[in-house]
Amino acid sequence: MPHASSLWRGRAPLLLASTSPTRRALLASAGLDPEIRSPGVDERAVEAAATGLSPEGLAERLAEAKAASVASVAPDRVVIGADQVLDLDGAVFHKPADRQGAAAHLARLQGRTHALHSAVALAIDGAVVERFVATARLTMRPLDVAGLDAYLDAAGPAVTGSVGAYQLEGVGIHLFDRIEGDHSTILGLPLLPLLARLRGRGLLAF
């Protein structure tokens, strides 16, 4: 893996306003090993105040709130905020609290196509300067009760770690018939458009 300092051209290391190990790993795999800071944002409060927004707009608003929160206490840093919203025909899902909640999510998703809207906000000099959303569409194959139980047994506690009760980088891949979209978008941080924006601001070596 390239050393981060050989690619990053910011005055200080890139700052990720997220505690997601997946997002951190995606940036590290691209040679950008960010520092991590929890944004401390009440996501449900942001959502409650965002009435009338589309699921894409909600994802963008959440990413912006996270970037702005961290940028307000680290104004000299380049900050990336990110969020992802699962959208099933306009209905927004949240992380299930337990196995029963995960089973309910999967019962609604099976046999249908849902969207994952992954949003990114970029803050520089204490202010959000760019934000964008990338979308992937996933079609879950039809599953009966026995199939859902078998998946939940195999996945274990990880089912409460994501809004859809699955992780594509794990046994969740077995749930799907078709996937349309970039892999990093599905994992919650669309790398290609993010890297393009960082390059456009002279923050990457090439």
N, C-alpha and C. Protein backbone atom coordinates (compact mmCIF):
# COMPACT_ATOMS: atom_id res chain seq x y z
N MET A 1 0.85 -1.20 0.00
CA MET A 1 0.00 0.00 0.00
C MET A 1 0.88 1.24 0.00
N PRO A 2 0.57 2.25 -0.82
CA PRO A 2 1.38 3.47 -0.82
C PRO A 2 1.30 4.17 0.54
N HIS A 3 2.40 4.79 0.93
CA HIS A 3 2.38 5.55 2.17
C HIS A 3 1.50 6.77 1.99
N ALA A 4 0.69 7.07 3.00
CA ALA A 4 -0.28 8.16 2.88
C ALA A 4 0.40 9.48 2.53
N SER A 5 1.57 9.72 3.13
CA SER A 5 2.22 11.01 2.91
C SER A 5 2.68 11.19 1.47
N SER A 6 2.82 10.08 0.72
CA SER A 6 3.25 10.19 -0.66
C SER A 6 2.12 10.62 -1.59
N LEU A 7 0.88 10.52 -1.12
CA LEU A 7 -0.28 10.87 -1.93
C LEU A 7 -0.99 12.12 -1.45
N TRP A 8 -1.06 12.30 -0.15
CA TRP A 8 -1.84 13.39 0.43
C TRP A 8 -1.05 14.69 0.42
N ARG A 9 -1.68 15.78 -0.02
CA ARG A 9 -1.01 17.06 -0.13
C ARG A 9 -1.59 18.12 0.81
N GLY A 10 -2.45 17.70 1.74
CA GLY A 10 -2.97 18.65 2.71
C GLY A 10 -1.92 19.05 3.73
N ARG A 11 -2.14 20.18 4.41
CA ARG A 11 -1.18 20.66 5.41
C ARG A 11 -1.09 19.72 6.60
N ALA A 12 -2.20 19.04 6.90
CA ALA A 12 -2.27 18.09 8.01
C ALA A 12 -3.00 16.85 7.50
N PRO A 13 -2.90 15.74 8.22
CA PRO A 13 -3.57 14.53 7.75
C PRO A 13 -5.07 14.73 7.54
N LEU A 14 -5.61 14.00 6.60
CA LEU A 14 -7.04 14.00 6.34
C LEU A 14 -7.79 13.57 7.60
N LEU A 15 -8.93 14.23 7.85
CA LEU A 15 -9.70 13.93 9.06
C LEU A 15 -11.06 13.36 8.64
N LEU A 16 -11.38 12.17 9.11
CA LEU A 16 -12.64 11.50 8.80
C LEU A 16 -13.60 11.66 9.96
N ALA A 17 -14.74 12.31 9.69
CA ALA A 17 -15.76 12.54 10.73
C ALA A 17 -16.67 11.33 10.81
N SER A 18 -16.08 10.21 11.20
CA SER A 18 -16.82 8.96 11.28
C SER A 18 -15.99 7.96 12.06
N THR A 19 -16.65 7.11 12.81
CA THR A 19 -15.94 6.05 13.53
C THR A 19 -16.09 4.71 12.79
N SER A 20 -16.60 4.75 11.56
CA SER A 20 -16.81 3.53 10.79
C SER A 20 -15.48 2.90 10.39
N PRO A 21 -15.21 1.67 10.85
CA PRO A 21 -13.96 1.03 10.42
C PRO A 21 -13.94 0.73 8.92
N THR A 22 -15.13 0.55 8.33
CA THR A 22 -15.19 0.27 6.89
C THR A 22 -14.76 1.50 6.10
N ARG A 23 -15.27 2.68 6.46
CA ARG A 23 -14.88 3.90 5.75
C ARG A 23 -13.39 4.19 5.93
N ARG A 24 -12.91 4.00 7.12
CA ARG A 24 -11.48 4.22 7.35
C ARG A 24 -10.65 3.26 6.49
N ALA A 25 -11.07 2.00 6.41
CA ALA A 25 -10.34 1.00 5.63
C ALA A 25 -10.36 1.34 4.15
N LEU A 26 -11.48 1.87 3.65
CA LEU A 26 -11.56 2.25 2.25
C LEU A 26 -10.55 3.36 1.93
N LEU A 27 -10.47 4.37 2.79
CA LEU A 27 -9.50 5.45 2.56
C LEU A 27 -8.07 4.94 2.70
N ALA A 28 -7.83 4.06 3.66
CA ALA A 28 -6.50 3.51 3.85
C ALA A 28 -6.08 2.68 2.65
N SER A 29 -7.03 1.95 2.07
CA SER A 29 -6.71 1.12 0.91
C SER A 29 -6.32 1.97 -0.30
N ALA A 30 -6.79 3.23 -0.32
CA ALA A 30 -6.44 4.16 -1.39
C ALA A 30 -5.18 4.96 -1.06
N GLY A 31 -4.48 4.57 -0.01
CA GLY A 31 -3.25 5.26 0.36
C GLY A 31 -3.46 6.52 1.16
N LEU A 32 -4.67 6.72 1.67
CA LEU A 32 -4.98 7.90 2.49
C LEU A 32 -5.41 7.41 3.86
N ASP A 33 -4.48 7.38 4.78
CA ASP A 33 -4.78 6.85 6.11
C ASP A 33 -5.25 7.99 7.00
N PRO A 34 -6.57 8.16 7.15
CA PRO A 34 -7.07 9.35 7.83
C PRO A 34 -7.00 9.25 9.34
N GLU A 35 -7.01 10.39 9.98
CA GLU A 35 -7.30 10.43 11.40
C GLU A 35 -8.81 10.37 11.58
N ILE A 36 -9.24 9.85 12.72
CA ILE A 36 -10.66 9.60 12.97
C ILE A 36 -11.14 10.50 14.10
N ARG A 37 -12.33 11.08 13.92
CA ARG A 37 -12.95 11.82 15.01
C ARG A 37 -14.45 11.61 14.96
N SER A 38 -15.03 11.23 16.08
CA SER A 38 -16.48 11.04 16.13
C SER A 38 -17.18 12.38 15.96
N PRO A 39 -18.18 12.45 15.07
CA PRO A 39 -18.85 13.74 14.84
C PRO A 39 -19.80 14.14 15.96
N GLY A 40 -20.25 13.19 16.78
CA GLY A 40 -21.16 13.53 17.87
C GLY A 40 -22.47 14.12 17.42
N VAL A 41 -22.98 13.64 16.28
CA VAL A 41 -24.23 14.16 15.71
C VAL A 41 -25.38 13.24 16.07
N ASP A 42 -26.49 13.80 16.53
CA ASP A 42 -27.71 13.03 16.78
C ASP A 42 -28.43 12.83 15.45
N GLU A 43 -28.21 11.68 14.84
CA GLU A 43 -28.75 11.44 13.50
C GLU A 43 -30.26 11.48 13.45
N ARG A 44 -30.91 10.97 14.46
CA ARG A 44 -32.37 10.98 14.46
C ARG A 44 -32.92 12.40 14.60
N ALA A 45 -32.20 13.26 15.34
CA ALA A 45 -32.64 14.65 15.46
C ALA A 45 -32.47 15.36 14.12
N VAL A 46 -31.37 15.10 13.42
CA VAL A 46 -31.17 15.69 12.09
C VAL A 46 -32.28 15.23 11.15
N GLU A 47 -32.60 13.94 11.22
CA GLU A 47 -33.65 13.40 10.35
C GLU A 47 -35.00 14.02 10.67
N ALA A 48 -35.30 14.21 11.96
CA ALA A 48 -36.58 14.79 12.35
C ALA A 48 -36.72 16.22 11.85
N ALA A 49 -35.59 16.92 11.77
CA ALA A 49 -35.62 18.31 11.30
C ALA A 49 -35.59 18.42 9.78
N ALA A 50 -35.43 17.28 9.10
CA ALA A 50 -35.28 17.29 7.64
C ALA A 50 -36.54 16.81 6.94
N THR A 51 -37.69 17.14 7.49
CA THR A 51 -38.94 16.71 6.89
C THR A 51 -39.06 17.25 5.47
N GLY A 52 -39.56 16.42 4.59
CA GLY A 52 -39.74 16.82 3.21
C GLY A 52 -38.57 16.51 2.31
N LEU A 53 -37.43 16.13 2.89
CA LEU A 53 -36.28 15.79 2.07
C LEU A 53 -36.45 14.38 1.49
N SER A 54 -35.93 14.17 0.30
CA SER A 54 -35.87 12.83 -0.28
C SER A 54 -34.85 12.01 0.51
N PRO A 55 -34.86 10.68 0.36
CA PRO A 55 -33.82 9.87 1.01
C PRO A 55 -32.41 10.30 0.61
N GLU A 56 -32.22 10.67 -0.67
CA GLU A 56 -30.91 11.17 -1.10
C GLU A 56 -30.55 12.46 -0.37
N GLY A 57 -31.53 13.35 -0.27
CA GLY A 57 -31.31 14.61 0.43
C GLY A 57 -31.01 14.42 1.90
N LEU A 58 -31.67 13.43 2.51
CA LEU A 58 -31.41 13.13 3.92
C LEU A 58 -29.98 12.64 4.11
N ALA A 59 -29.52 11.74 3.24
CA ALA A 59 -28.15 11.25 3.34
C ALA A 59 -27.16 12.41 3.25
N GLU A 60 -27.42 13.31 2.32
CA GLU A 60 -26.55 14.48 2.13
C GLU A 60 -26.57 15.39 3.36
N ARG A 61 -27.75 15.60 3.92
CA ARG A 61 -27.87 16.45 5.11
C ARG A 61 -27.11 15.85 6.30
N LEU A 62 -27.20 14.54 6.45
CA LEU A 62 -26.50 13.87 7.55
C LEU A 62 -24.98 13.96 7.36
N ALA A 63 -24.51 13.74 6.14
CA ALA A 63 -23.07 13.84 5.88
C ALA A 63 -22.57 15.25 6.14
N GLU A 64 -23.36 16.23 5.72
CA GLU A 64 -22.98 17.63 5.94
C GLU A 64 -22.93 17.96 7.43
N ALA A 65 -23.90 17.47 8.20
CA ALA A 65 -23.91 17.74 9.64
C ALA A 65 -22.68 17.16 10.31
N LYS A 66 -22.26 15.98 9.89
CA LYS A 66 -21.09 15.35 10.50
C LYS A 66 -19.81 16.11 10.14
N ALA A 67 -19.67 16.47 8.85
CA ALA A 67 -18.49 17.22 8.44
C ALA A 67 -18.43 18.57 9.15
N ALA A 68 -19.57 19.24 9.23
CA ALA A 68 -19.61 20.57 9.85
C ALA A 68 -19.29 20.50 11.34
N SER A 69 -19.78 19.44 12.01
CA SER A 69 -19.54 19.29 13.44
C SER A 69 -18.05 19.18 13.74
N VAL A 70 -17.36 18.33 13.00
CA VAL A 70 -15.93 18.14 13.24
C VAL A 70 -15.14 19.36 12.75
N ALA A 71 -15.54 19.94 11.62
CA ALA A 71 -14.82 21.11 11.11
C ALA A 71 -14.92 22.29 12.06
N SER A 72 -15.99 22.36 12.84
CA SER A 72 -16.15 23.50 13.75
C SER A 72 -15.10 23.48 14.87
N VAL A 73 -14.59 22.30 15.20
CA VAL A 73 -13.56 22.21 16.25
C VAL A 73 -12.18 21.94 15.66
N ALA A 74 -12.12 21.72 14.35
CA ALA A 74 -10.83 21.52 13.67
C ALA A 74 -10.84 22.30 12.35
N PRO A 75 -10.95 23.63 12.43
CA PRO A 75 -11.13 24.44 11.21
C PRO A 75 -9.92 24.45 10.29
N ASP A 76 -8.77 24.02 10.80
CA ASP A 76 -7.56 24.02 9.97
C ASP A 76 -7.37 22.71 9.22
N ARG A 77 -8.34 21.82 9.31
CA ARG A 77 -8.19 20.49 8.72
C ARG A 77 -9.15 20.29 7.56
N VAL A 78 -8.78 19.39 6.64
CA VAL A 78 -9.69 18.92 5.60
C VAL A 78 -10.49 17.77 6.21
N VAL A 79 -11.82 17.93 6.23
CA VAL A 79 -12.69 16.97 6.93
C VAL A 79 -13.64 16.32 5.93
N ILE A 80 -13.80 15.01 6.06
CA ILE A 80 -14.77 14.27 5.27
C ILE A 80 -15.85 13.74 6.20
N GLY A 81 -17.10 14.09 5.91
CA GLY A 81 -18.25 13.51 6.59
C GLY A 81 -18.99 12.60 5.63
N ALA A 82 -19.55 11.52 6.13
CA ALA A 82 -20.25 10.58 5.24
C ALA A 82 -21.42 9.95 5.97
N ASP A 83 -22.43 9.61 5.19
CA ASP A 83 -23.57 8.89 5.74
C ASP A 83 -24.22 8.09 4.62
N GLN A 84 -25.00 7.10 5.01
CA GLN A 84 -25.69 6.26 4.03
C GLN A 84 -27.13 6.04 4.47
N VAL A 85 -28.04 6.11 3.50
CA VAL A 85 -29.45 5.89 3.76
C VAL A 85 -29.95 4.75 2.87
N LEU A 86 -30.63 3.80 3.48
CA LEU A 86 -31.27 2.72 2.73
C LEU A 86 -32.70 3.14 2.42
N ASP A 87 -33.04 3.05 1.16
CA ASP A 87 -34.32 3.57 0.65
C ASP A 87 -35.06 2.44 -0.08
N LEU A 88 -36.18 2.05 0.48
CA LEU A 88 -37.05 1.06 -0.18
C LEU A 88 -38.32 1.77 -0.61
N ASP A 89 -38.37 2.16 -1.88
CA ASP A 89 -39.52 2.88 -2.43
C ASP A 89 -39.91 4.09 -1.59
N GLY A 90 -38.90 4.83 -1.14
CA GLY A 90 -39.14 6.04 -0.38
C GLY A 90 -39.14 5.86 1.12
N ALA A 91 -39.20 4.62 1.60
CA ALA A 91 -39.15 4.35 3.04
C ALA A 91 -37.70 4.22 3.48
N VAL A 92 -37.32 4.96 4.52
CA VAL A 92 -35.95 4.96 5.02
C VAL A 92 -35.83 3.97 6.17
N PHE A 93 -34.80 3.13 6.12
CA PHE A 93 -34.55 2.13 7.16
C PHE A 93 -33.48 2.64 8.13
N HIS A 94 -33.56 2.18 9.38
CA HIS A 94 -32.53 2.43 10.38
C HIS A 94 -31.95 1.10 10.83
N LYS A 95 -30.82 1.15 11.51
CA LYS A 95 -30.21 -0.09 11.99
C LYS A 95 -31.16 -0.84 12.92
N PRO A 96 -31.31 -2.15 12.72
CA PRO A 96 -32.17 -2.92 13.62
C PRO A 96 -31.55 -3.03 15.00
N ALA A 97 -32.39 -3.06 16.02
CA ALA A 97 -31.90 -3.12 17.39
C ALA A 97 -31.48 -4.52 17.79
N ASP A 98 -32.06 -5.52 17.15
CA ASP A 98 -31.81 -6.90 17.56
C ASP A 98 -32.13 -7.85 16.40
N ARG A 99 -32.03 -9.15 16.65
CA ARG A 99 -32.28 -10.14 15.61
C ARG A 99 -33.71 -10.04 15.09
N GLN A 100 -34.66 -9.80 15.97
CA GLN A 100 -36.05 -9.69 15.54
C GLN A 100 -36.24 -8.52 14.58
N GLY A 101 -35.61 -7.39 14.90
CA GLY A 101 -35.69 -6.24 14.01
C GLY A 101 -35.02 -6.51 12.68
N ALA A 102 -33.88 -7.23 12.72
CA ALA A 102 -33.19 -7.58 11.48
C ALA A 102 -34.07 -8.48 10.61
N ALA A 103 -34.75 -9.43 11.23
CA ALA A 103 -35.63 -10.32 10.49
C ALA A 103 -36.76 -9.54 9.83
N ALA A 104 -37.29 -8.54 10.53
CA ALA A 104 -38.36 -7.71 9.97
C ALA A 104 -37.85 -6.91 8.77
N HIS A 105 -36.64 -6.37 8.88
CA HIS A 105 -36.05 -5.64 7.74
C HIS A 105 -35.94 -6.55 6.53
N LEU A 106 -35.36 -7.72 6.74
CA LEU A 106 -35.11 -8.64 5.64
C LEU A 106 -36.41 -9.15 5.01
N ALA A 107 -37.44 -9.32 5.84
CA ALA A 107 -38.73 -9.76 5.30
C ALA A 107 -39.29 -8.72 4.34
N ARG A 108 -39.04 -7.43 4.60
CA ARG A 108 -39.51 -6.37 3.70
C ARG A 108 -38.64 -6.25 2.46
N LEU A 109 -37.34 -6.51 2.60
CA LEU A 109 -36.40 -6.32 1.49
C LEU A 109 -36.37 -7.50 0.52
N GLN A 110 -36.69 -8.70 1.00
CA GLN A 110 -36.53 -9.89 0.16
C GLN A 110 -37.46 -9.84 -1.06
N GLY A 111 -36.89 -10.21 -2.21
CA GLY A 111 -37.64 -10.20 -3.45
C GLY A 111 -37.82 -8.83 -4.08
N ARG A 112 -37.18 -7.80 -3.52
CA ARG A 112 -37.37 -6.43 -4.01
C ARG A 112 -36.02 -5.74 -4.22
N THR A 113 -36.07 -4.61 -4.90
CA THR A 113 -34.86 -3.81 -5.14
C THR A 113 -34.88 -2.57 -4.25
N HIS A 114 -33.81 -2.36 -3.52
CA HIS A 114 -33.70 -1.16 -2.71
C HIS A 114 -32.46 -0.36 -3.12
N ALA A 115 -32.42 0.89 -2.70
CA ALA A 115 -31.32 1.78 -3.03
C ALA A 115 -30.50 2.09 -1.78
N LEU A 116 -29.20 2.18 -1.97
CA LEU A 116 -28.30 2.69 -0.93
C LEU A 116 -27.75 4.03 -1.42
N HIS A 117 -28.11 5.09 -0.73
CA HIS A 117 -27.63 6.43 -1.07
C HIS A 117 -26.46 6.77 -0.14
N SER A 118 -25.26 6.85 -0.69
CA SER A 118 -24.08 7.17 0.10
C SER A 118 -23.66 8.60 -0.19
N ALA A 119 -23.68 9.41 0.85
CA ALA A 119 -23.39 10.84 0.71
C ALA A 119 -22.06 11.18 1.35
N VAL A 120 -21.39 12.18 0.77
CA VAL A 120 -20.13 12.68 1.30
C VAL A 120 -20.19 14.21 1.35
N ALA A 121 -19.67 14.79 2.41
CA ALA A 121 -19.51 16.24 2.52
C ALA A 121 -18.04 16.53 2.82
N LEU A 122 -17.50 17.52 2.14
CA LEU A 122 -16.10 17.90 2.29
C LEU A 122 -16.03 19.29 2.91
N ALA A 123 -15.33 19.39 4.04
CA ALA A 123 -15.18 20.68 4.71
C ALA A 123 -13.71 21.12 4.65
N ILE A 124 -13.51 22.38 4.31
CA ILE A 124 -12.17 22.97 4.26
C ILE A 124 -12.23 24.34 4.93
N ASP A 125 -11.23 24.64 5.75
CA ASP A 125 -11.17 25.92 6.47
C ASP A 125 -12.42 26.16 7.29
N GLY A 126 -12.93 25.10 7.90
CA GLY A 126 -14.03 25.22 8.84
C GLY A 126 -15.42 25.24 8.25
N ALA A 127 -15.54 25.10 6.90
CA ALA A 127 -16.86 25.18 6.27
C ALA A 127 -17.01 24.08 5.22
N VAL A 128 -18.23 23.56 5.10
CA VAL A 128 -18.51 22.56 4.06
C VAL A 128 -18.48 23.24 2.70
N VAL A 129 -17.67 22.72 1.80
CA VAL A 129 -17.50 23.34 0.48
C VAL A 129 -18.08 22.49 -0.65
N GLU A 130 -18.28 21.21 -0.40
CA GLU A 130 -18.86 20.33 -1.41
C GLU A 130 -19.62 19.21 -0.73
N ARG A 131 -20.66 18.74 -1.42
CA ARG A 131 -21.35 17.54 -0.96
C ARG A 131 -21.97 16.86 -2.18
N PHE A 132 -22.06 15.55 -2.12
CA PHE A 132 -22.62 14.80 -3.24
C PHE A 132 -23.15 13.46 -2.74
N VAL A 133 -23.96 12.83 -3.59
CA VAL A 133 -24.55 11.53 -3.27
C VAL A 133 -24.31 10.58 -4.44
N ALA A 134 -23.93 9.36 -4.13
CA ALA A 134 -23.85 8.28 -5.12
C ALA A 134 -24.81 7.18 -4.69
N THR A 135 -25.44 6.53 -5.66
CA THR A 135 -26.47 5.55 -5.36
C THR A 135 -26.15 4.20 -5.98
N ALA A 136 -26.39 3.15 -5.22
CA ALA A 136 -26.31 1.78 -5.72
C ALA A 136 -27.68 1.13 -5.52
N ARG A 137 -28.01 0.17 -6.36
CA ARG A 137 -29.29 -0.53 -6.26
C ARG A 137 -29.03 -2.02 -6.13
N LEU A 138 -29.70 -2.62 -5.14
CA LEU A 138 -29.47 -4.02 -4.82
C LEU A 138 -30.80 -4.77 -4.83
N THR A 139 -30.82 -5.90 -5.50
CA THR A 139 -32.02 -6.73 -5.58
C THR A 139 -31.80 -7.98 -4.74
N MET A 140 -32.58 -8.10 -3.68
CA MET A 140 -32.47 -9.24 -2.80
C MET A 140 -33.34 -10.39 -3.32
N ARG A 141 -32.80 -11.57 -3.33
CA ARG A 141 -33.55 -12.70 -3.85
C ARG A 141 -34.67 -13.09 -2.88
N PRO A 142 -35.72 -13.72 -3.38
CA PRO A 142 -36.81 -14.14 -2.49
C PRO A 142 -36.30 -15.18 -1.49
N LEU A 143 -36.70 -15.01 -0.25
CA LEU A 143 -36.27 -15.92 0.81
C LEU A 143 -37.47 -16.32 1.66
N ASP A 144 -37.55 -17.59 2.00
CA ASP A 144 -38.62 -18.02 2.91
C ASP A 144 -38.13 -17.88 4.35
N VAL A 145 -38.98 -18.21 5.30
CA VAL A 145 -38.64 -18.03 6.71
C VAL A 145 -37.42 -18.86 7.09
N ALA A 146 -37.35 -20.08 6.57
CA ALA A 146 -36.20 -20.94 6.89
C ALA A 146 -34.91 -20.34 6.35
N GLY A 147 -34.98 -19.77 5.14
CA GLY A 147 -33.80 -19.15 4.55
C GLY A 147 -33.34 -17.94 5.34
N LEU A 148 -34.30 -17.11 5.77
CA LEU A 148 -33.95 -15.94 6.57
C LEU A 148 -33.33 -16.36 7.90
N ASP A 149 -33.88 -17.38 8.53
CA ASP A 149 -33.32 -17.86 9.80
C ASP A 149 -31.90 -18.39 9.61
N ALA A 150 -31.68 -19.11 8.50
CA ALA A 150 -30.35 -19.65 8.23
C ALA A 150 -29.34 -18.51 8.05
N TYR A 151 -29.77 -17.47 7.34
CA TYR A 151 -28.88 -16.32 7.16
C TYR A 151 -28.58 -15.65 8.50
N LEU A 152 -29.62 -15.41 9.30
CA LEU A 152 -29.43 -14.74 10.58
C LEU A 152 -28.51 -15.55 11.50
N ASP A 153 -28.63 -16.88 11.45
CA ASP A 153 -27.74 -17.73 12.24
C ASP A 153 -26.29 -17.56 11.77
N ALA A 154 -26.10 -17.54 10.44
CA ALA A 154 -24.75 -17.45 9.88
C ALA A 154 -24.13 -16.08 10.12
N ALA A 155 -24.94 -15.03 10.03
CA ALA A 155 -24.42 -13.66 10.16
C ALA A 155 -24.14 -13.29 11.60
N GLY A 156 -24.95 -13.79 12.52
CA GLY A 156 -24.74 -13.50 13.93
C GLY A 156 -25.01 -12.05 14.29
N PRO A 157 -24.31 -11.54 15.32
CA PRO A 157 -24.56 -10.17 15.80
C PRO A 157 -24.32 -9.08 14.76
N ALA A 158 -23.59 -9.39 13.68
CA ALA A 158 -23.29 -8.38 12.66
C ALA A 158 -24.55 -7.82 12.00
N VAL A 159 -25.69 -8.51 12.13
CA VAL A 159 -26.90 -8.04 11.46
C VAL A 159 -27.40 -6.71 12.03
N THR A 160 -26.97 -6.36 13.25
CA THR A 160 -27.40 -5.08 13.82
C THR A 160 -26.42 -3.95 13.48
N GLY A 161 -25.39 -4.25 12.71
CA GLY A 161 -24.37 -3.26 12.42
C GLY A 161 -24.61 -2.43 11.18
N SER A 162 -25.66 -2.75 10.41
CA SER A 162 -25.95 -1.99 9.20
C SER A 162 -27.45 -1.84 9.03
N VAL A 163 -27.86 -0.82 8.28
CA VAL A 163 -29.28 -0.52 8.17
C VAL A 163 -30.07 -1.63 7.49
N GLY A 164 -29.44 -2.37 6.59
CA GLY A 164 -30.16 -3.42 5.88
C GLY A 164 -30.04 -4.77 6.53
N ALA A 165 -29.34 -4.87 7.65
CA ALA A 165 -29.12 -6.14 8.36
C ALA A 165 -28.24 -7.08 7.55
N TYR A 166 -27.37 -6.51 6.70
CA TYR A 166 -26.44 -7.35 5.94
C TYR A 166 -25.14 -6.59 5.72
N GLN A 167 -24.09 -7.33 5.46
CA GLN A 167 -22.81 -6.76 5.07
C GLN A 167 -22.33 -7.53 3.85
N LEU A 168 -22.20 -6.83 2.73
CA LEU A 168 -21.82 -7.50 1.49
C LEU A 168 -20.43 -8.10 1.57
N GLU A 169 -19.57 -7.55 2.41
CA GLU A 169 -18.23 -8.09 2.54
C GLU A 169 -18.20 -9.34 3.41
N GLY A 170 -19.38 -9.77 3.86
CA GLY A 170 -19.50 -10.99 4.65
C GLY A 170 -20.54 -11.91 4.03
N VAL A 171 -21.24 -12.66 4.87
CA VAL A 171 -22.21 -13.64 4.35
C VAL A 171 -23.44 -12.97 3.75
N GLY A 172 -23.58 -11.67 3.92
CA GLY A 172 -24.70 -10.95 3.32
C GLY A 172 -24.73 -11.05 1.81
N ILE A 173 -23.58 -11.35 1.19
CA ILE A 173 -23.53 -11.46 -0.27
C ILE A 173 -24.47 -12.57 -0.77
N HIS A 174 -24.75 -13.54 0.07
CA HIS A 174 -25.63 -14.65 -0.32
C HIS A 174 -27.08 -14.21 -0.53
N LEU A 175 -27.44 -13.04 -0.05
CA LEU A 175 -28.84 -12.60 -0.09
C LEU A 175 -29.26 -12.07 -1.46
N PHE A 176 -28.31 -11.80 -2.35
CA PHE A 176 -28.64 -10.97 -3.51
C PHE A 176 -28.60 -11.70 -4.84
N ASP A 177 -29.52 -11.27 -5.72
CA ASP A 177 -29.56 -11.71 -7.11
C ASP A 177 -28.78 -10.78 -8.01
N ARG A 178 -28.86 -9.46 -7.72
CA ARG A 178 -28.27 -8.47 -8.62
C ARG A 178 -27.83 -7.24 -7.82
N ILE A 179 -26.69 -6.71 -8.21
CA ILE A 179 -26.16 -5.50 -7.57
C ILE A 179 -25.72 -4.54 -8.66
N GLU A 180 -26.21 -3.31 -8.60
CA GLU A 180 -25.85 -2.28 -9.57
C GLU A 180 -25.26 -1.10 -8.82
N GLY A 181 -23.99 -0.85 -9.06
CA GLY A 181 -23.36 0.27 -8.39
C GLY A 181 -21.95 -0.06 -7.97
N ASP A 182 -21.19 0.98 -7.66
CA ASP A 182 -19.81 0.84 -7.25
C ASP A 182 -19.72 0.21 -5.86
N HIS A 183 -18.74 -0.67 -5.68
CA HIS A 183 -18.61 -1.39 -4.41
C HIS A 183 -18.40 -0.44 -3.24
N SER A 184 -17.58 0.60 -3.43
CA SER A 184 -17.33 1.51 -2.32
C SER A 184 -18.57 2.32 -1.96
N THR A 185 -19.43 2.57 -2.94
CA THR A 185 -20.70 3.23 -2.64
C THR A 185 -21.55 2.34 -1.75
N ILE A 186 -21.59 1.06 -2.04
CA ILE A 186 -22.36 0.12 -1.24
C ILE A 186 -21.82 0.06 0.19
N LEU A 187 -20.50 0.19 0.32
CA LEU A 187 -19.88 0.13 1.65
C LEU A 187 -19.98 1.45 2.41
N GLY A 188 -20.46 2.51 1.74
CA GLY A 188 -20.75 3.74 2.47
C GLY A 188 -19.82 4.91 2.24
N LEU A 189 -18.87 4.78 1.27
CA LEU A 189 -17.99 5.91 0.97
C LEU A 189 -17.60 5.83 -0.50
N PRO A 190 -18.33 6.53 -1.38
CA PRO A 190 -18.04 6.44 -2.81
C PRO A 190 -16.69 7.05 -3.16
N LEU A 191 -15.70 6.18 -3.36
CA LEU A 191 -14.33 6.64 -3.50
C LEU A 191 -14.06 7.40 -4.80
N LEU A 192 -14.58 6.91 -5.93
CA LEU A 192 -14.22 7.54 -7.20
C LEU A 192 -14.60 9.02 -7.26
N PRO A 193 -15.84 9.39 -6.95
CA PRO A 193 -16.16 10.83 -6.97
C PRO A 193 -15.46 11.61 -5.86
N LEU A 194 -15.21 10.96 -4.72
CA LEU A 194 -14.50 11.65 -3.64
C LEU A 194 -13.06 11.95 -4.06
N LEU A 195 -12.37 10.97 -4.61
CA LEU A 195 -10.99 11.20 -5.03
C LEU A 195 -10.91 12.24 -6.13
N ALA A 196 -11.89 12.25 -7.03
CA ALA A 196 -11.91 13.26 -8.09
C ALA A 196 -12.01 14.66 -7.50
N ARG A 197 -12.81 14.82 -6.47
CA ARG A 197 -12.96 16.15 -5.85
C ARG A 197 -11.70 16.55 -5.10
N LEU A 198 -11.07 15.60 -4.43
CA LEU A 198 -9.82 15.92 -3.74
C LEU A 198 -8.72 16.29 -4.73
N ARG A 199 -8.65 15.58 -5.85
CA ARG A 199 -7.68 15.93 -6.89
C ARG A 199 -7.95 17.33 -7.44
N GLY A 200 -9.24 17.62 -7.64
CA GLY A 200 -9.60 18.92 -8.20
C GLY A 200 -9.19 20.08 -7.30
N ARG A 201 -9.01 19.82 -6.02
CA ARG A 201 -8.60 20.86 -5.08
C ARG A 201 -7.10 20.78 -4.77
N GLY A 202 -6.38 20.00 -5.55
CA GLY A 202 -4.93 19.93 -5.38
C GLY A 202 -4.48 19.20 -4.13
N LEU A 203 -5.35 18.32 -3.60
CA LEU A 203 -5.04 17.66 -2.34
C LEU A 203 -4.42 16.28 -2.52
N LEU A 204 -4.33 15.80 -3.77
CA LEU A 204 -3.71 14.51 -4.03
C LEU A 204 -2.54 14.69 -4.99
N ALA A 205 -1.58 13.75 -4.93
CA ALA A 205 -0.37 13.88 -5.73
C ALA A 205 -0.63 13.66 -7.21
N PHE A 206 -1.68 12.87 -7.55
CA PHE A 206 -1.97 12.62 -8.96
C PHE A 206 -3.43 12.24 -9.13
